[in-house]
Amino acid sequence: MDIIQVPGKDSFLAKVRTATRRLEPKLRVSWAWSPEEQVFVLKFANNTGMTSIAPSGRDRITSVLRRRLSTFFVRSLTAKPDQGKVFQVTTSSNFPNHFLRTGRSTRFCDWRFVHRARLGVLPLNACRRWETNGDKRCQKCGYQQETIPHVLAHCGVHSAARQRRHNNVQDRLVKAASRCPGVIRVNQTMEGVAGEAGTLRPDIVVRDEVNRTITIVDVAVPFENGKIEFAAARARKFEKYGPLATQLAASGYTVRLDAFIVGSLGGWDHHNDSLQQHLRVGRYYAGMMRKFLVSDTVRWSRDIYVEHVSGRRQYQ
């Protein structure tokens, strides 16, 4: 429990205590009068046991209560078996939501799209929960379930747009890695590799012959079907390019094999941060790039969806 001591003679506190009692089940807080110190004590649970916090005024009180209420709603949303899967990823850091208040680097049409997409309420055949007997097949390819993950990540009609979305992430990462020592090659096979591994074409390879190091990076843009989907996408990359990394390591190189993952609705994989540091992306530019990648990916996903339901091409 944390404790905040506040003066007792304040009309503001009387209103706060009244509001807190209504929200007590959600906030998990309570008020108590301390006769020794002649103050009201605000108690709320946390992971560190009992902690005493010095009196800090109404700003501190409203900040604590607002944060507790926000935490309650986030937990309630992520606990939902269907809608919570996307928010498990998009609430893990601030970058997937950087545009919600300011709209920076984001079109207004993208801003309107991403809220409905993350909540799973876009008007697709398999998303109309009130129609139990309707036709749920994809209107473009005939797949049995026209869901948001299908449209944004699997429908074959939009494979060209998904490739452009993938290339946008790839190109931004290549540009950001320009300070990394070595030669950067994009979507090319590796010399001196035999067998099936020699036919693999990783998205990005940084080869430094001076230090005998090779960094292999492959980009993925999966749908945010929970954190497990990001882990599965990373595992698939390691399984695919593992034989290539093994042969290069046997040739005397120090090899780093990694995946760079951005969700189709702006989800950010925290493993990307260590890869950016390895590629010597500047701290300031890395922060900007995260926001640009999130906004760009949402923009592409919105264009894919609109083209799916309207039949009109949304990009040049």
Protein backbone atom coordinates (compact mmCIF):
# COMPACT_ATOMS: atom_id res chain seq x y z
CA MET A 1 0.00 0.00 0.00
CA ASP A 2 1.09 3.57 -0.72
CA ILE A 3 -0.01 6.37 1.60
CA ILE A 4 -0.50 10.01 0.68
CA GLN A 5 -1.11 12.37 3.59
CA VAL A 6 -3.22 15.41 2.81
CA PRO A 7 -4.58 18.28 4.94
CA GLY A 8 -8.07 17.68 6.26
CA LYS A 9 -9.56 21.18 6.03
CA ASP A 10 -10.02 21.59 2.29
CA SER A 11 -13.27 21.63 0.32
CA PHE A 12 -11.37 20.19 -2.64
CA LEU A 13 -10.52 17.10 -0.62
CA ALA A 14 -14.12 16.65 0.42
CA LYS A 15 -15.12 16.45 -3.24
CA VAL A 16 -12.23 14.12 -4.00
CA ARG A 17 -13.16 11.77 -1.17
CA THR A 18 -16.75 11.65 -2.39
CA ALA A 19 -15.66 10.83 -5.94
CA THR A 20 -13.13 8.28 -4.68
CA ARG A 21 -15.79 6.35 -2.79
CA ARG A 22 -17.78 5.91 -6.02
CA LEU A 23 -14.72 4.65 -7.86
CA GLU A 24 -13.24 2.62 -5.01
CA PRO A 25 -13.74 -0.81 -6.67
CA LYS A 26 -11.90 0.42 -9.77
CA LEU A 27 -9.20 2.52 -8.10
CA ARG A 28 -8.60 0.15 -5.17
CA VAL A 29 -8.03 3.11 -2.88
CA SER A 30 -9.48 4.20 0.44
CA TRP A 31 -9.48 7.23 2.77
CA ALA A 32 -8.76 7.17 6.51
CA TRP A 33 -8.43 9.85 9.17
CA SER A 34 -5.17 9.92 11.10
CA PRO A 35 -5.92 11.44 14.56
CA GLU A 36 -2.23 11.62 15.48
CA GLU A 37 -1.24 13.84 12.56
CA GLN A 38 -4.68 15.38 11.98
CA VAL A 39 -4.65 14.55 8.26
CA PHE A 40 -6.58 12.35 5.87
CA VAL A 41 -4.60 9.41 4.49
CA LEU A 42 -5.13 8.10 0.97
CA LYS A 43 -4.20 4.42 0.71
CA PHE A 44 -3.82 2.43 -2.47
CA ALA A 45 -2.24 -0.92 -3.30
CA ASN A 46 1.00 -1.36 -5.19
CA ASN A 47 3.79 -3.91 -5.45
CA THR A 48 6.10 -2.42 -2.82
CA GLY A 49 4.06 -2.81 0.35
CA MET A 50 3.45 0.21 2.61
CA THR A 51 5.13 3.46 1.65
CA SER A 52 4.68 6.88 3.21
CA ILE A 53 4.62 9.85 0.84
CA ALA A 54 4.96 13.40 2.16
CA PRO A 55 2.02 15.82 1.68
CA SER A 56 2.16 17.10 -1.88
CA GLY A 57 -1.03 19.00 -2.68
CA ARG A 58 -3.97 18.50 -4.97
CA ASP A 59 -1.92 18.07 -8.16
CA ARG A 60 -0.30 14.97 -6.74
CA ILE A 61 -3.65 13.58 -5.58
CA THR A 62 -5.38 14.02 -8.95
CA SER A 63 -2.34 12.58 -10.73
CA VAL A 64 -2.41 9.45 -8.59
CA LEU A 65 -6.15 8.94 -8.96
CA ARG A 66 -6.04 9.55 -12.71
CA ARG A 67 -3.21 7.06 -13.12
CA ARG A 68 -5.01 4.45 -11.02
CA LEU A 69 -8.20 4.82 -13.07
CA SER A 70 -6.26 4.61 -16.33
CA THR A 71 -4.54 1.43 -15.10
CA PHE A 72 -7.90 -0.13 -14.27
CA PHE A 73 -9.32 0.51 -17.75
CA VAL A 74 -6.16 -0.76 -19.47
CA ARG A 75 -6.22 -3.96 -17.44
CA SER A 76 -9.92 -4.45 -18.17
CA LEU A 77 -9.35 -3.98 -21.89
CA THR A 78 -6.27 -6.22 -22.19
CA ALA A 79 -8.07 -8.96 -20.24
CA LYS A 80 -10.72 -9.31 -22.94
CA PRO A 81 -10.12 -12.53 -24.90
CA ASP A 82 -10.76 -10.92 -28.31
CA GLN A 83 -10.20 -7.16 -28.23
CA GLY A 84 -7.48 -7.40 -25.60
CA LYS A 85 -5.00 -9.12 -27.91
CA VAL A 86 -4.18 -5.97 -29.86
CA PHE A 87 -3.96 -3.80 -26.77
CA GLN A 88 -1.58 -6.22 -25.07
CA VAL A 89 0.93 -5.08 -27.69
CA THR A 90 -0.06 -1.44 -28.25
CA THR A 91 -0.07 -0.59 -24.51
CA SER A 92 3.35 -2.11 -23.82
CA SER A 93 5.07 1.19 -24.71
CA ASN A 94 4.17 4.78 -25.58
CA PHE A 95 5.28 4.70 -29.23
CA PRO A 96 2.22 2.85 -30.68
CA ASN A 97 0.02 5.62 -29.23
CA HIS A 98 2.18 8.68 -29.85
CA PHE A 99 -0.37 10.19 -32.27
CA LEU A 100 -3.52 9.77 -30.17
CA ARG A 101 -3.42 13.24 -28.59
CA THR A 102 -1.55 15.31 -31.18
CA GLY A 103 -2.08 13.44 -34.45
CA ARG A 104 1.56 14.07 -35.33
CA SER A 105 2.82 12.34 -38.50
CA THR A 106 -0.65 10.82 -38.92
CA ARG A 107 -3.48 11.61 -41.31
CA PHE A 108 -6.88 12.18 -39.76
CA CYS A 109 -8.32 9.28 -41.76
CA ASP A 110 -5.63 7.02 -40.25
CA TRP A 111 -6.48 8.33 -36.77
CA ARG A 112 -10.15 7.41 -37.28
CA PHE A 113 -9.28 4.02 -38.75
CA VAL A 114 -6.84 2.77 -36.13
CA HIS A 115 -9.25 3.12 -33.19
CA ARG A 116 -11.91 0.96 -34.80
CA ALA A 117 -9.31 -1.49 -36.12
CA ARG A 118 -7.70 -2.00 -32.73
CA LEU A 119 -11.11 -2.55 -31.14
CA GLY A 120 -12.08 -5.01 -33.89
CA VAL A 121 -15.25 -3.16 -34.90
CA LEU A 122 -14.55 -2.48 -38.58
CA PRO A 123 -17.56 -3.43 -40.75
CA LEU A 124 -16.15 -6.65 -42.20
CA ASN A 125 -18.22 -9.79 -42.72
CA ALA A 126 -16.70 -11.75 -39.83
CA CYS A 127 -16.61 -8.74 -37.48
CA ARG A 128 -20.37 -8.15 -37.36
CA ARG A 129 -21.05 -9.85 -34.07
CA TRP A 130 -24.76 -9.08 -34.19
CA GLU A 131 -25.17 -11.15 -37.38
CA THR A 132 -24.77 -14.80 -36.42
CA ASN A 133 -26.07 -16.36 -39.66
CA GLY A 134 -24.62 -13.96 -42.22
CA ASP A 135 -22.02 -14.73 -44.86
CA LYS A 136 -18.60 -14.37 -43.19
CA ARG A 137 -16.47 -15.14 -46.25
CA CYS A 138 -13.94 -12.67 -47.60
CA GLN A 139 -15.51 -10.62 -50.40
CA LYS A 140 -12.20 -10.56 -52.32
CA CYS A 141 -10.61 -14.02 -52.07
CA GLY A 142 -13.44 -16.14 -50.65
CA TYR A 143 -11.63 -17.11 -47.44
CA GLN A 144 -14.06 -18.42 -44.82
CA GLN A 145 -13.48 -15.60 -42.30
CA GLU A 146 -13.20 -11.95 -43.39
CA THR A 147 -11.50 -10.65 -40.26
CA ILE A 148 -9.17 -7.69 -39.73
CA PRO A 149 -6.07 -9.96 -39.43
CA HIS A 150 -7.03 -11.64 -42.69
CA VAL A 151 -7.43 -8.37 -44.60
CA LEU A 152 -4.28 -6.72 -43.25
CA ALA A 153 -1.95 -9.71 -43.13
CA HIS A 154 -3.16 -12.62 -45.29
CA CYS A 155 -5.56 -11.72 -48.11
CA GLY A 156 -3.72 -12.48 -51.35
CA VAL A 157 -5.38 -9.64 -53.24
CA HIS A 158 -3.38 -7.11 -51.21
CA SER A 159 0.01 -8.81 -51.33
CA ALA A 160 1.54 -5.95 -53.36
CA ALA A 161 0.39 -3.33 -50.83
CA ARG A 162 1.68 -5.45 -47.94
CA GLN A 163 5.04 -5.70 -49.70
CA ARG A 164 5.16 -1.90 -49.99
CA ARG A 165 4.30 -1.61 -46.30
CA HIS A 166 7.11 -4.04 -45.51
CA ASN A 167 9.55 -2.16 -47.76
CA ASN A 168 8.71 1.12 -46.07
CA VAL A 169 9.87 -0.30 -42.73
CA GLN A 170 12.92 -1.84 -44.37
CA ASP A 171 13.96 1.38 -46.13
CA ARG A 172 13.68 3.48 -42.97
CA LEU A 173 15.84 0.99 -41.10
CA VAL A 174 18.46 0.97 -43.88
CA LYS A 175 18.60 4.75 -43.83
CA ALA A 176 18.95 4.81 -40.04
CA ALA A 177 21.77 2.23 -40.13
CA SER A 178 23.98 4.33 -42.44
CA ARG A 179 26.42 5.05 -39.60
CA CYS A 180 26.96 1.35 -38.90
CA PRO A 181 30.44 0.21 -40.11
CA GLY A 182 30.40 -2.13 -43.07
CA VAL A 183 28.58 -2.56 -46.35
CA ILE A 184 24.78 -2.70 -46.28
CA ARG A 185 23.08 -5.01 -48.75
CA VAL A 186 19.32 -5.22 -49.19
CA ASN A 187 17.45 -8.33 -50.33
CA GLN A 188 20.49 -10.12 -51.76
CA THR A 189 22.03 -13.56 -51.38
CA MET A 190 25.30 -14.06 -49.50
CA GLU A 191 28.54 -15.11 -51.17
CA GLY A 192 30.36 -18.18 -49.92
CA VAL A 193 27.26 -19.94 -48.58
CA ALA A 194 26.39 -23.40 -49.91
CA GLY A 195 23.15 -25.35 -50.11
CA GLU A 196 19.68 -23.95 -49.53
CA ALA A 197 21.07 -21.31 -47.20
CA GLY A 198 22.85 -19.79 -50.20
CA THR A 199 19.51 -19.03 -51.85
CA LEU A 200 18.14 -17.06 -48.90
CA ARG A 201 17.75 -13.30 -49.35
CA PRO A 202 17.59 -11.52 -45.98
CA ASP A 203 16.09 -8.05 -46.00
CA ILE A 204 19.19 -6.34 -44.60
CA VAL A 205 22.76 -7.58 -44.23
CA VAL A 206 25.52 -5.40 -42.77
CA ARG A 207 28.92 -6.95 -43.51
CA ASP A 208 32.07 -5.53 -41.92
CA GLU A 209 35.16 -7.23 -43.30
CA VAL A 210 37.52 -5.21 -41.10
CA ASN A 211 36.03 -6.46 -37.84
CA ARG A 212 34.75 -9.73 -39.38
CA THR A 213 31.17 -9.13 -38.27
CA ILE A 214 27.87 -9.72 -40.06
CA THR A 215 24.45 -8.52 -38.95
CA ILE A 216 21.44 -10.20 -40.56
CA VAL A 217 18.08 -8.48 -40.10
CA ASP A 218 14.73 -9.53 -41.51
CA VAL A 219 11.64 -7.32 -41.26
CA ALA A 220 8.17 -8.57 -40.35
CA VAL A 221 4.82 -6.77 -40.10
CA PRO A 222 2.45 -9.24 -38.38
CA PHE A 223 -0.99 -8.52 -36.99
CA GLU A 224 -1.07 -7.80 -33.25
CA ASN A 225 -2.69 -11.08 -32.23
CA GLY A 226 -1.27 -10.74 -28.73
CA LYS A 227 2.36 -10.70 -27.64
CA ILE A 228 2.64 -14.36 -28.58
CA GLU A 229 2.28 -13.47 -32.27
CA PHE A 230 5.30 -11.17 -32.15
CA ALA A 231 7.31 -13.91 -30.45
CA ALA A 232 6.17 -16.40 -33.10
CA ALA A 233 7.14 -14.03 -35.94
CA ARG A 234 10.60 -13.62 -34.43
CA ALA A 235 10.97 -17.37 -34.00
CA ARG A 236 10.08 -17.95 -37.67
CA LYS A 237 12.84 -15.56 -38.76
CA PHE A 238 15.41 -17.33 -36.59
CA GLU A 239 14.31 -20.70 -37.92
CA LYS A 240 14.51 -19.56 -41.54
CA TYR A 241 17.87 -17.79 -41.41
CA GLY A 242 19.51 -19.91 -38.72
CA PRO A 243 21.36 -22.18 -41.23
CA LEU A 244 22.70 -19.07 -43.01
CA ALA A 245 24.02 -17.61 -39.75
CA THR A 246 25.57 -20.96 -38.81
CA GLN A 247 27.55 -21.22 -42.06
CA LEU A 248 28.79 -17.66 -41.79
CA ALA A 249 29.86 -18.21 -38.17
CA ALA A 250 31.78 -21.31 -39.27
CA SER A 251 33.67 -19.10 -41.73
CA GLY A 252 35.07 -16.99 -38.90
CA TYR A 253 32.51 -14.17 -38.73
CA THR A 254 30.79 -12.90 -35.62
CA VAL A 255 27.15 -13.11 -36.67
CA ARG A 256 24.10 -11.45 -35.18
CA LEU A 257 20.75 -12.68 -36.49
CA ASP A 258 17.77 -10.56 -35.55
CA ALA A 259 14.25 -9.56 -36.59
CA PHE A 260 12.75 -6.10 -36.79
CA ILE A 261 9.02 -6.27 -36.07
CA VAL A 262 6.35 -3.57 -36.35
CA GLY A 263 2.69 -4.52 -35.98
CA SER A 264 0.22 -3.81 -38.77
CA LEU A 265 -1.74 -1.54 -36.38
CA GLY A 266 1.33 0.23 -35.00
CA GLY A 267 2.48 -2.27 -32.38
CA TRP A 268 6.14 -1.96 -31.42
CA ASP A 269 8.36 -4.90 -30.47
CA HIS A 270 10.68 -3.90 -27.61
CA HIS A 271 13.47 -6.09 -29.09
CA ASN A 272 13.77 -3.49 -31.87
CA ASP A 273 15.38 -1.06 -29.43
CA SER A 274 18.48 -3.20 -28.85
CA LEU A 275 18.81 -3.76 -32.60
CA GLN A 276 18.74 -0.01 -33.22
CA GLN A 277 21.55 0.42 -30.71
CA HIS A 278 23.54 -2.35 -32.39
CA LEU A 279 23.14 -0.63 -35.77
CA ARG A 280 24.36 2.62 -34.17
CA VAL A 281 21.16 4.53 -34.75
CA GLY A 282 21.38 7.82 -32.85
CA ARG A 283 19.20 8.09 -29.77
CA TYR A 284 17.30 11.13 -30.99
CA TYR A 285 16.78 9.75 -34.48
CA ALA A 286 15.77 6.36 -33.07
CA GLY A 287 12.96 8.02 -31.13
CA MET A 288 11.72 9.83 -34.23
CA MET A 289 12.02 6.69 -36.37
CA ARG A 290 9.85 4.68 -34.00
CA LYS A 291 7.05 7.23 -34.33
CA PHE A 292 7.43 7.49 -38.11
CA LEU A 293 7.35 3.70 -38.48
CA VAL A 294 4.21 3.41 -36.36
CA SER A 295 2.40 6.15 -38.30
CA ASP A 296 3.56 4.86 -41.69
CA THR A 297 2.47 1.31 -40.94
CA VAL A 298 -0.96 2.45 -39.76
CA ARG A 299 -1.26 4.53 -42.95
CA TRP A 300 -0.51 1.53 -45.16
CA SER A 301 -2.92 -0.69 -43.22
CA ARG A 302 -5.67 1.89 -43.57
CA ASP A 303 -5.08 2.07 -47.34
CA ILE A 304 -5.22 -1.72 -47.58
CA TYR A 305 -8.50 -1.82 -45.69
CA VAL A 306 -10.14 0.99 -47.69
CA GLU A 307 -9.10 -0.61 -50.97
CA HIS A 308 -10.52 -3.92 -49.72
CA VAL A 309 -13.98 -2.54 -48.97
CA SER A 310 -14.20 0.08 -51.74
CA GLY A 311 -12.20 -1.47 -54.57
CA ARG A 312 -10.34 1.82 -55.13
CA ARG A 313 -6.56 1.98 -55.13
CA GLN A 314 -5.32 4.23 -52.31
CA TYR A 315 -1.66 4.63 -53.24
CA GLN A 316 0.31 5.60 -56.33
